[in-house]
């Protein structure tokens, strides 16, 4: 599927506080598919010759957009690793 060059691909989300809605635009292929999947109504702004959507715009509710923090990676000491390994060893199926 022909698509926008990588350097031109973008996704934007704009929040309207008065209506409590997000306006989403994307020409990133994975984001385009995701917007099409979750938005009840969307507008295809650009199509490939095959008919696939290359760029879309949609209005999303506040509940359809979520911002989360990246989980903190645990730093384990060698002792903690050994304790965890010892705890898990009996639960492993024998080969």
PDB file of N, CA and C in Angstrom:
ATOM      1  N   UNK A   1       0.844  -1.169   0.000  1.00  0.00           N
ATOM      2  CA  UNK A   1       0.000   0.000   0.000  1.00  0.00           C
ATOM      3  C   UNK A   1       0.896   1.242   0.000  1.00  0.00           C
ATOM      4  N   UNK A   2       0.771   2.121  -1.006  1.00  0.00           N
ATOM      5  CA  UNK A   2       1.550   3.346  -0.998  1.00  0.00           C
ATOM      6  C   UNK A   2       1.131   4.206   0.191  1.00  0.00           C
ATOM      7  N   UNK A   3       2.075   4.918   0.745  1.00  0.00           N
ATOM      8  CA  UNK A   3       1.760   5.720   1.916  1.00  0.00           C
ATOM      9  C   UNK A   3       2.594   6.993   1.904  1.00  0.00           C
ATOM     10  N   UNK A   4       2.355   7.834   2.879  1.00  0.00           N
ATOM     11  CA  UNK A   4       3.149   9.052   3.015  1.00  0.00           C
ATOM     12  C   UNK A   4       4.580   8.675   3.386  1.00  0.00           C
ATOM     13  N   UNK A   5       5.567   9.484   2.970  1.00  0.00           N
ATOM     14  CA  UNK A   5       6.947   9.207   3.396  1.00  0.00           C
ATOM     15  C   UNK A   5       7.033   9.260   4.922  1.00  0.00           C
ATOM     16  N   UNK A   6       7.905   8.460   5.489  1.00  0.00           N
ATOM     17  CA  UNK A   6       8.043   8.391   6.955  1.00  0.00           C
ATOM     18  C   UNK A   6       8.244   9.762   7.595  1.00  0.00           C
ATOM     19  N   UNK A   7       9.006  10.615   6.937  1.00  0.00           N
ATOM     20  CA  UNK A   7       9.286  11.937   7.510  1.00  0.00           C
ATOM     21  C   UNK A   7       8.059  12.843   7.527  1.00  0.00           C
ATOM     22  N   UNK A   8       7.032  12.497   6.746  1.00  0.00           N
ATOM     23  CA  UNK A   8       5.817  13.315   6.699  1.00  0.00           C
ATOM     24  C   UNK A   8       4.660  12.696   7.478  1.00  0.00           C
ATOM     25  N   UNK A   9       4.831  11.497   7.988  1.00  0.00           N
ATOM     26  CA  UNK A   9       3.745  10.851   8.725  1.00  0.00           C
ATOM     27  C   UNK A   9       3.587  11.510  10.086  1.00  0.00           C
ATOM     28  N   UNK A  10       2.329  11.775  10.463  1.00  0.00           N
ATOM     29  CA  UNK A  10       2.068  12.385  11.757  1.00  0.00           C
ATOM     30  C   UNK A  10       0.682  12.018  12.259  1.00  0.00           C
ATOM     31  N   UNK A  11       0.524  12.119  13.553  1.00  0.00           N
ATOM     32  CA  UNK A  11      -0.767  11.961  14.202  1.00  0.00           C
ATOM     33  C   UNK A  11      -0.917  13.139  15.146  1.00  0.00           C
ATOM     34  N   UNK A  12      -2.068  13.813  15.066  1.00  0.00           N
ATOM     35  CA  UNK A  12      -2.312  14.928  15.981  1.00  0.00           C
ATOM     36  C   UNK A  12      -3.625  14.700  16.707  1.00  0.00           C
ATOM     37  N   UNK A  13      -3.636  15.093  17.966  1.00  0.00           N
ATOM     38  CA  UNK A  13      -4.841  15.050  18.789  1.00  0.00           C
ATOM     39  C   UNK A  13      -5.050  16.449  19.348  1.00  0.00           C
ATOM     40  N   UNK A  14      -6.247  16.998  19.157  1.00  0.00           N
ATOM     41  CA  UNK A  14      -6.565  18.327  19.663  1.00  0.00           C
ATOM     42  C   UNK A  14      -7.798  18.196  20.543  1.00  0.00           C
ATOM     43  N   UNK A  15      -7.694  18.676  21.791  1.00  0.00           N
ATOM     44  CA  UNK A  15      -8.794  18.562  22.743  1.00  0.00           C
ATOM     45  C   UNK A  15      -9.586  19.862  22.789  1.00  0.00           C
ATOM     46  N   UNK A  16     -10.918  19.741  22.672  1.00  0.00           N
ATOM     47  CA  UNK A  16     -11.820  20.884  22.797  1.00  0.00           C
ATOM     48  C   UNK A  16     -12.478  20.802  24.167  1.00  0.00           C
ATOM     49  N   UNK A  17     -12.088  21.678  25.066  1.00  0.00           N
ATOM     50  CA  UNK A  17     -12.568  21.640  26.448  1.00  0.00           C
ATOM     51  C   UNK A  17     -14.082  21.867  26.532  1.00  0.00           C
ATOM     52  N   UNK A  18     -14.628  22.711  25.684  1.00  0.00           N
ATOM     53  CA  UNK A  18     -16.063  23.018  25.741  1.00  0.00           C
ATOM     54  C   UNK A  18     -16.923  21.811  25.395  1.00  0.00           C
ATOM     55  N   UNK A  19     -16.538  21.064  24.365  1.00  0.00           N
ATOM     56  CA  UNK A  19     -17.337  19.902  23.960  1.00  0.00           C
ATOM     57  C   UNK A  19     -16.834  18.613  24.596  1.00  0.00           C
ATOM     58  N   UNK A  20     -15.670  18.686  25.262  1.00  0.00           N
ATOM     59  CA  UNK A  20     -15.063  17.511  25.902  1.00  0.00           C
ATOM     60  C   UNK A  20     -14.780  16.404  24.875  1.00  0.00           C
ATOM     61  N   UNK A  21     -14.333  16.821  23.678  1.00  0.00           N
ATOM     62  CA  UNK A  21     -14.047  15.871  22.598  1.00  0.00           C
ATOM     63  C   UNK A  21     -12.649  16.122  22.033  1.00  0.00           C
ATOM     64  N   UNK A  22     -12.102  15.077  21.440  1.00  0.00           N
ATOM     65  CA  UNK A  22     -10.806  15.130  20.778  1.00  0.00           C
ATOM     66  C   UNK A  22     -11.016  15.100  19.270  1.00  0.00           C
ATOM     67  N   UNK A  23     -10.243  15.874  18.542  1.00  0.00           N
ATOM     68  CA  UNK A  23     -10.195  15.764  17.092  1.00  0.00           C
ATOM     69  C   UNK A  23      -8.877  15.078  16.765  1.00  0.00           C
ATOM     70  N   UNK A  24      -8.972  13.953  16.085  1.00  0.00           N
ATOM     71  CA  UNK A  24      -7.783  13.164  15.759  1.00  0.00           C
ATOM     72  C   UNK A  24      -7.556  13.201  14.253  1.00  0.00           C
ATOM     73  N   UNK A  25      -6.303  13.404  13.866  1.00  0.00           N
ATOM     74  CA  UNK A  25      -5.901  13.327  12.464  1.00  0.00           C
ATOM     75  C   UNK A  25      -4.682  12.420  12.405  1.00  0.00           C
ATOM     76  N   UNK A  26      -4.630  11.557  11.406  1.00  0.00           N
ATOM     77  CA  UNK A  26      -3.439  10.731  11.250  1.00  0.00           C
ATOM     78  C   UNK A  26      -3.238  10.292   9.812  1.00  0.00           C
ATOM     79  N   UNK A  27      -1.950  10.180   9.460  1.00  0.00           N
ATOM     80  CA  UNK A  27      -1.561   9.551   8.195  1.00  0.00           C
ATOM     81  C   UNK A  27      -0.502   8.484   8.478  1.00  0.00           C
ATOM     82  N   UNK A  28      -0.415   8.058   9.750  1.00  0.00           N
ATOM     83  CA  UNK A  28       0.456   6.947  10.151  1.00  0.00           C
ATOM     84  C   UNK A  28      -0.391   5.676  10.004  1.00  0.00           C
ATOM     85  N   UNK A  29       0.017   4.726   9.170  1.00  0.00           N
ATOM     86  CA  UNK A  29      -0.840   3.574   8.867  1.00  0.00           C
ATOM     87  C   UNK A  29      -1.434   2.857  10.083  1.00  0.00           C
ATOM     88  N   UNK A  30      -0.653   2.588  11.118  1.00  0.00           N
ATOM     89  CA  UNK A  30      -1.212   1.882  12.283  1.00  0.00           C
ATOM     90  C   UNK A  30      -2.217   2.751  13.019  1.00  0.00           C
ATOM     91  N   UNK A  31      -1.973   4.050  13.082  1.00  0.00           N
ATOM     92  CA  UNK A  31      -2.909   4.949  13.758  1.00  0.00           C
ATOM     93  C   UNK A  31      -4.183   5.121  12.936  1.00  0.00           C
ATOM     94  N   UNK A  32      -4.049   5.160  11.606  1.00  0.00           N
ATOM     95  CA  UNK A  32      -5.223   5.251  10.732  1.00  0.00           C
ATOM     96  C   UNK A  32      -6.142   4.061  10.989  1.00  0.00           C
ATOM     97  N   UNK A  33      -5.564   2.850  11.032  1.00  0.00           N
ATOM     98  CA  UNK A  33      -6.390   1.654  11.278  1.00  0.00           C
ATOM     99  C   UNK A  33      -7.044   1.713  12.652  1.00  0.00           C
ATOM    100  N   UNK A  34      -6.308   2.170  13.651  1.00  0.00           N
ATOM    101  CA  UNK A  34      -6.855   2.242  15.008  1.00  0.00           C
ATOM    102  C   UNK A  34      -7.989   3.264  15.088  1.00  0.00           C
ATOM    103  N   UNK A  35      -7.822   4.422  14.462  1.00  0.00           N
ATOM    104  CA  UNK A  35      -8.876   5.439  14.466  1.00  0.00           C
ATOM    105  C   UNK A  35     -10.115   4.907  13.769  1.00  0.00           C
ATOM    106  N   UNK A  36      -9.942   4.245  12.637  1.00  0.00           N
ATOM    107  CA  UNK A  36     -11.085   3.668  11.921  1.00  0.00           C
ATOM    108  C   UNK A  36     -11.800   2.648  12.800  1.00  0.00           C
ATOM    109  N   UNK A  37     -11.043   1.859  13.571  1.00  0.00           N
ATOM    110  CA  UNK A  37     -11.646   0.844  14.442  1.00  0.00           C
ATOM    111  C   UNK A  37     -12.444   1.445  15.593  1.00  0.00           C
ATOM    112  N   UNK A  38     -11.971   2.553  16.181  1.00  0.00           N
ATOM    113  CA  UNK A  38     -12.637   3.053  17.386  1.00  0.00           C
ATOM    114  C   UNK A  38     -13.608   4.200  17.148  1.00  0.00           C
ATOM    115  N   UNK A  39     -13.474   4.925  16.049  1.00  0.00           N
ATOM    116  CA  UNK A  39     -14.332   6.087  15.815  1.00  0.00           C
ATOM    117  C   UNK A  39     -15.633   5.665  15.142  1.00  0.00           C
ATOM    118  N   UNK A  40     -16.770   6.055  15.717  1.00  0.00           N
ATOM    119  CA  UNK A  40     -18.037   5.707  15.079  1.00  0.00           C
ATOM    120  C   UNK A  40     -18.207   6.419  13.733  1.00  0.00           C
ATOM    121  N   UNK A  41     -17.678   7.642  13.633  1.00  0.00           N
ATOM    122  CA  UNK A  41     -17.744   8.410  12.389  1.00  0.00           C
ATOM    123  C   UNK A  41     -16.356   8.993  12.135  1.00  0.00           C
ATOM    124  N   UNK A  42     -15.864   8.814  10.927  1.00  0.00           N
ATOM    125  CA  UNK A  42     -14.561   9.369  10.562  1.00  0.00           C
ATOM    126  C   UNK A  42     -14.612   9.814   9.108  1.00  0.00           C
ATOM    127  N   UNK A  43     -13.691  10.677   8.736  1.00  0.00           N
ATOM    128  CA  UNK A  43     -13.601  11.180   7.371  1.00  0.00           C
ATOM    129  C   UNK A  43     -12.273  10.732   6.783  1.00  0.00           C
ATOM    130  N   UNK A  44     -12.342  10.107   5.623  1.00  0.00           N
ATOM    131  CA  UNK A  44     -11.117   9.710   4.919  1.00  0.00           C
ATOM    132  C   UNK A  44     -10.676  10.905   4.081  1.00  0.00           C
ATOM    133  N   UNK A  45      -9.504  11.409   4.367  1.00  0.00           N
ATOM    134  CA  UNK A  45      -8.992  12.597   3.682  1.00  0.00           C
ATOM    135  C   UNK A  45      -8.160  12.255   2.454  1.00  0.00           C
ATOM    136  N   UNK A  46      -7.593  11.057   2.424  1.00  0.00           N
ATOM    137  CA  UNK A  46      -6.754  10.643   1.301  1.00  0.00           C
ATOM    138  C   UNK A  46      -6.839   9.130   1.165  1.00  0.00           C
ATOM    139  N   UNK A  47      -6.957   8.670  -0.069  1.00  0.00           N
ATOM    140  CA  UNK A  47      -7.039   7.227  -0.331  1.00  0.00           C
ATOM    141  C   UNK A  47      -5.949   6.814  -1.307  1.00  0.00           C
ATOM    142  N   UNK A  48      -5.497   5.571  -1.149  1.00  0.00           N
ATOM    143  CA  UNK A  48      -4.561   4.985  -2.113  1.00  0.00           C
ATOM    144  C   UNK A  48      -5.368   4.534  -3.329  1.00  0.00           C
ATOM    145  N   UNK A  49      -4.690   4.219  -4.406  1.00  0.00           N
ATOM    146  CA  UNK A  49      -5.379   3.723  -5.604  1.00  0.00           C
ATOM    147  C   UNK A  49      -6.148   2.448  -5.306  1.00  0.00           C
ATOM    148  N   UNK A  50      -5.673   1.682  -4.318  1.00  0.00           N
ATOM    149  CA  UNK A  50      -6.346   0.433  -3.947  1.00  0.00           C
ATOM    150  C   UNK A  50      -7.625   0.691  -3.157  1.00  0.00           C
ATOM    151  N   UNK A  51      -7.834   1.942  -2.731  1.00  0.00           N
ATOM    152  CA  UNK A  51      -9.022   2.270  -1.950  1.00  0.00           C
ATOM    153  C   UNK A  51      -8.772   2.325  -0.454  1.00  0.00           C
ATOM    154  N   UNK A  52      -7.573   1.924  -0.016  1.00  0.00           N
ATOM    155  CA  UNK A  52      -7.246   1.971   1.412  1.00  0.00           C
ATOM    156  C   UNK A  52      -7.106   3.418   1.876  1.00  0.00           C
ATOM    157  N   UNK A  53      -7.524   3.669   3.109  1.00  0.00           N
ATOM    158  CA  UNK A  53      -7.405   5.009   3.683  1.00  0.00           C
ATOM    159  C   UNK A  53      -5.944   5.305   4.002  1.00  0.00           C
ATOM    160  N   UNK A  54      -5.461   6.450   3.544  1.00  0.00           N
ATOM    161  CA  UNK A  54      -4.092   6.879   3.848  1.00  0.00           C
ATOM    162  C   UNK A  54      -4.071   7.929   4.954  1.00  0.00           C
ATOM    163  N   UNK A  55      -5.134   8.739   5.032  1.00  0.00           N
ATOM    164  CA  UNK A  55      -5.221   9.780   6.060  1.00  0.00           C
ATOM    165  C   UNK A  55      -6.674   9.904   6.491  1.00  0.00           C
ATOM    166  N   UNK A  56      -6.887  10.038   7.796  1.00  0.00           N
ATOM    167  CA  UNK A  56      -8.248  10.157   8.330  1.00  0.00           C
ATOM    168  C   UNK A  56      -8.321  11.257   9.380  1.00  0.00           C
ATOM    169  N   UNK A  57      -9.552  11.746   9.584  1.00  0.00           N
ATOM    170  CA  UNK A  57      -9.840  12.681  10.667  1.00  0.00           C
ATOM    171  C   UNK A  57     -11.108  12.178  11.346  1.00  0.00           C
ATOM    172  N   UNK A  58     -11.130  12.247  12.672  1.00  0.00           N
ATOM    173  CA  UNK A  58     -12.294  11.769  13.420  1.00  0.00           C
ATOM    174  C   UNK A  58     -12.442  12.571  14.702  1.00  0.00           C
ATOM    175  N   UNK A  59     -13.657  12.555  15.236  1.00  0.00           N
ATOM    176  CA  UNK A  59     -13.916  13.146  16.542  1.00  0.00           C
ATOM    177  C   UNK A  59     -14.085  12.003  17.524  1.00  0.00           C
ATOM    178  N   UNK A  60     -13.332  12.068  18.629  1.00  0.00           N
ATOM    179  CA  UNK A  60     -13.361  11.013  19.638  1.00  0.00           C
ATOM    180  C   UNK A  60     -13.844  11.584  20.963  1.00  0.00           C
ATOM    181  N   UNK A  61     -14.512  10.756  21.747  1.00  0.00           N
ATOM    182  CA  UNK A  61     -14.943  11.192  23.074  1.00  0.00           C
ATOM    183  C   UNK A  61     -13.747  11.189  24.017  1.00  0.00           C
ATOM    184  N   UNK A  62     -13.914  11.839  25.148  1.00  0.00           N
ATOM    185  CA  UNK A  62     -12.831  11.897  26.132  1.00  0.00           C
ATOM    186  C   UNK A  62     -12.452  10.501  26.612  1.00  0.00           C
ATOM    187  N   UNK A  63     -13.403   9.582  26.648  1.00  0.00           N
ATOM    188  CA  UNK A  63     -13.125   8.223  27.125  1.00  0.00           C
ATOM    189  C   UNK A  63     -12.376   7.375  26.098  1.00  0.00           C
ATOM    190  N   UNK A  64     -12.337   7.812  24.853  1.00  0.00           N
ATOM    191  CA  UNK A  64     -11.648   7.050  23.816  1.00  0.00           C
ATOM    192  C   UNK A  64     -10.161   7.384  23.730  1.00  0.00           C
ATOM    193  N   UNK A  65      -9.717   8.407  24.432  1.00  0.00           N
ATOM    194  CA  UNK A  65      -8.312   8.805  24.420  1.00  0.00           C
ATOM    195  C   UNK A  65      -7.788   8.688  25.840  1.00  0.00           C
ATOM    196  N   UNK A  66      -6.643   8.068  25.976  1.00  0.00           N
ATOM    197  CA  UNK A  66      -6.080   7.828  27.304  1.00  0.00           C
ATOM    198  C   UNK A  66      -4.590   8.137  27.280  1.00  0.00           C
ATOM    199  N   UNK A  67      -4.129   8.802  28.309  1.00  0.00           N
ATOM    200  CA  UNK A  67      -2.698   9.094  28.437  1.00  0.00           C
ATOM    201  C   UNK A  67      -2.198   8.394  29.687  1.00  0.00           C
ATOM    202  N   UNK A  68      -1.201   7.555  29.510  1.00  0.00           N
ATOM    203  CA  UNK A  68      -0.670   6.790  30.640  1.00  0.00           C
ATOM    204  C   UNK A  68       0.833   7.015  30.746  1.00  0.00           C
ATOM    205  N   UNK A  69       1.334   6.859  31.960  1.00  0.00           N
ATOM    206  CA  UNK A  69       2.779   6.962  32.145  1.00  0.00           C
ATOM    207  C   UNK A  69       3.404   5.608  31.841  1.00  0.00           C
ATOM    208  N   UNK A  70       4.624   5.644  31.408  1.00  0.00           N
ATOM    209  CA  UNK A  70       5.342   4.404  31.122  1.00  0.00           C
ATOM    210  C   UNK A  70       5.664   3.714  32.445  1.00  0.00           C
ATOM    211  N   UNK A  71       5.406   2.408  32.542  1.00  0.00           N
ATOM    212  CA  UNK A  71       5.691   1.722  33.806  1.00  0.00           C
ATOM    213  C   UNK A  71       7.182   1.785  34.139  1.00  0.00           C
ATOM    214  N   UNK A  72       7.460   1.945  35.409  1.00  0.00           N
ATOM    215  CA  UNK A  72       8.852   1.997  35.858  1.00  0.00           C
ATOM    216  C   UNK A  72       9.449   0.594  35.841  1.00  0.00           C
ATOM    217  N   UNK A  73      10.606   0.466  35.281  1.00  0.00           N
ATOM    218  CA  UNK A  73      11.296  -0.825  35.228  1.00  0.00           C
ATOM    219  C   UNK A  73      11.978  -1.066  36.569  1.00  0.00           C
ATOM    220  N   UNK A  74      11.741  -2.255  37.128  1.00  0.00           N
ATOM    221  CA  UNK A  74      12.346  -2.611  38.410  1.00  0.00           C
ATOM    222  C   UNK A  74      13.808  -2.956  38.234  1.00  0.00           C
ATOM    223  N   UNK A  75      14.642  -2.386  39.066  1.00  0.00           N
ATOM    224  CA  UNK A  75      16.063  -2.724  39.077  1.00  0.00           C
ATOM    225  C   UNK A  75      16.278  -3.728  40.203  1.00  0.00           C
ATOM    226  N   UNK A  76      16.644  -4.949  39.860  1.00  0.00           N
ATOM    227  CA  UNK A  76      16.824  -6.007  40.852  1.00  0.00           C
ATOM    228  C   UNK A  76      18.298  -6.215  41.164  1.00  0.00           C
ATOM    229  N   UNK A  77      18.561  -6.493  42.427  1.00  0.00           N
ATOM    230  CA  UNK A  77      19.924  -6.866  42.813  1.00  0.00           C
ATOM    231  C   UNK A  77      20.117  -8.335  42.466  1.00  0.00           C
ATOM    232  N   UNK A  78      21.348  -8.803  42.492  1.00  0.00           N
ATOM    233  CA  UNK A  78      21.623 -10.217  42.224  1.00  0.00           C
ATOM    234  C   UNK A  78      20.923 -11.099  43.251  1.00  0.00           C
ATOM    235  N   UNK A  79      20.861 -10.655  44.506  1.00  0.00           N
ATOM    236  CA  UNK A  79      20.178 -11.428  45.557  1.00  0.00           C
ATOM    237  C   UNK A  79      18.689 -11.555  45.249  1.00  0.00           C
ATOM    238  N   UNK A  80      18.056 -10.449  44.833  1.00  0.00           N
ATOM    239  CA  UNK A  80      16.631 -10.493  44.511  1.00  0.00           C
ATOM    240  C   UNK A  80      16.373 -11.431  43.336  1.00  0.00           C
ATOM    241  N   UNK A  81      17.230 -11.384  42.326  1.00  0.00           N
ATOM    242  CA  UNK A  81      17.072 -12.292  41.177  1.00  0.00           C
ATOM    243  C   UNK A  81      17.166 -13.745  41.622  1.00  0.00           C
ATOM    244  N   UNK A  82      18.130 -14.046  42.496  1.00  0.00           N
ATOM    245  CA  UNK A  82      18.309 -15.418  42.989  1.00  0.00           C
ATOM    246  C   UNK A  82      17.088 -15.865  43.787  1.00  0.00           C
ATOM    247  N   UNK A  83      16.528 -14.982  44.618  1.00  0.00           N
ATOM    248  CA  UNK A  83      15.334 -15.321  45.398  1.00  0.00           C
ATOM    249  C   UNK A  83      14.149 -15.614  44.482  1.00  0.00           C
ATOM    250  N   UNK A  84      13.960 -14.784  43.472  1.00  0.00           N
ATOM    251  CA  UNK A  84      12.850 -14.982  42.534  1.00  0.00           C
ATOM    252  C   UNK A  84      13.041 -16.288  41.773  1.00  0.00           C
ATOM    253  N   UNK A  85      14.256 -16.551  41.320  1.00  0.00           N
ATOM    254  CA  UNK A  85      14.540 -17.794  40.593  1.00  0.00           C
ATOM    255  C   UNK A  85      14.270 -19.001  41.474  1.00  0.00           C
ATOM    256  N   UNK A  86      14.668 -18.939  42.749  1.00  0.00           N
ATOM    257  CA  UNK A  86      14.439 -20.058  43.669  1.00  0.00           C
ATOM    258  C   UNK A  86      12.947 -20.264  43.907  1.00  0.00           C
ATOM    259  N   UNK A  87      12.202 -19.179  43.994  1.00  0.00           N
ATOM    260  CA  UNK A  87      10.752 -19.276  44.201  1.00  0.00           C
ATOM    261  C   UNK A  87      10.049 -19.876  42.991  1.00  0.00           C
ATOM    262  N   UNK A  88      10.524 -19.566  41.808  1.00  0.00           N
ATOM    263  CA  UNK A  88       9.873 -20.036  40.584  1.00  0.00           C
ATOM    264  C   UNK A  88      10.314 -21.431  40.161  1.00  0.00           C
ATOM    265  N   UNK A  89      11.495 -21.847  40.574  1.00  0.00           N
ATOM    266  CA  UNK A  89      12.049 -23.137  40.154  1.00  0.00           C
ATOM    267  C   UNK A  89      11.087 -24.302  40.405  1.00  0.00           C
ATOM    268  N   UNK A  90      10.470 -24.452  41.596  1.00  0.00           N
ATOM    269  CA  UNK A  90       9.567 -25.590  41.818  1.00  0.00           C
ATOM    270  C   UNK A  90       8.311 -25.547  40.941  1.00  0.00           C
ATOM    271  N   UNK A  91       7.931 -24.381  40.463  1.00  0.00           N
ATOM    272  CA  UNK A  91       6.714 -24.246  39.655  1.00  0.00           C
ATOM    273  C   UNK A  91       6.956 -24.557  38.186  1.00  0.00           C
ATOM    274  N   UNK A  92       8.209 -24.627  37.784  1.00  0.00           N
ATOM    275  CA  UNK A  92       8.542 -24.913  36.393  1.00  0.00           C
ATOM    276  C   UNK A  92       8.290 -26.376  36.067  1.00  0.00           C
ATOM    277  N   UNK A  93       7.690 -26.650  34.907  1.00  0.00           N
ATOM    278  CA  UNK A  93       7.542 -28.056  34.507  1.00  0.00           C
ATOM    279  C   UNK A  93       8.910 -28.649  34.188  1.00  0.00           C
ATOM    280  N   UNK A  94       9.134 -29.866  34.612  1.00  0.00           N
ATOM    281  CA  UNK A  94      10.431 -30.498  34.327  1.00  0.00           C
ATOM    282  C   UNK A  94      10.483 -30.933  32.873  1.00  0.00           C
ATOM    283  N   UNK A  95      11.651 -30.847  32.320  1.00  0.00           N
ATOM    284  CA  UNK A  95      11.821 -31.185  30.894  1.00  0.00           C
ATOM    285  C   UNK A  95      12.300 -32.587  30.717  1.00  0.00           C
TER     286      UNK A  95
END
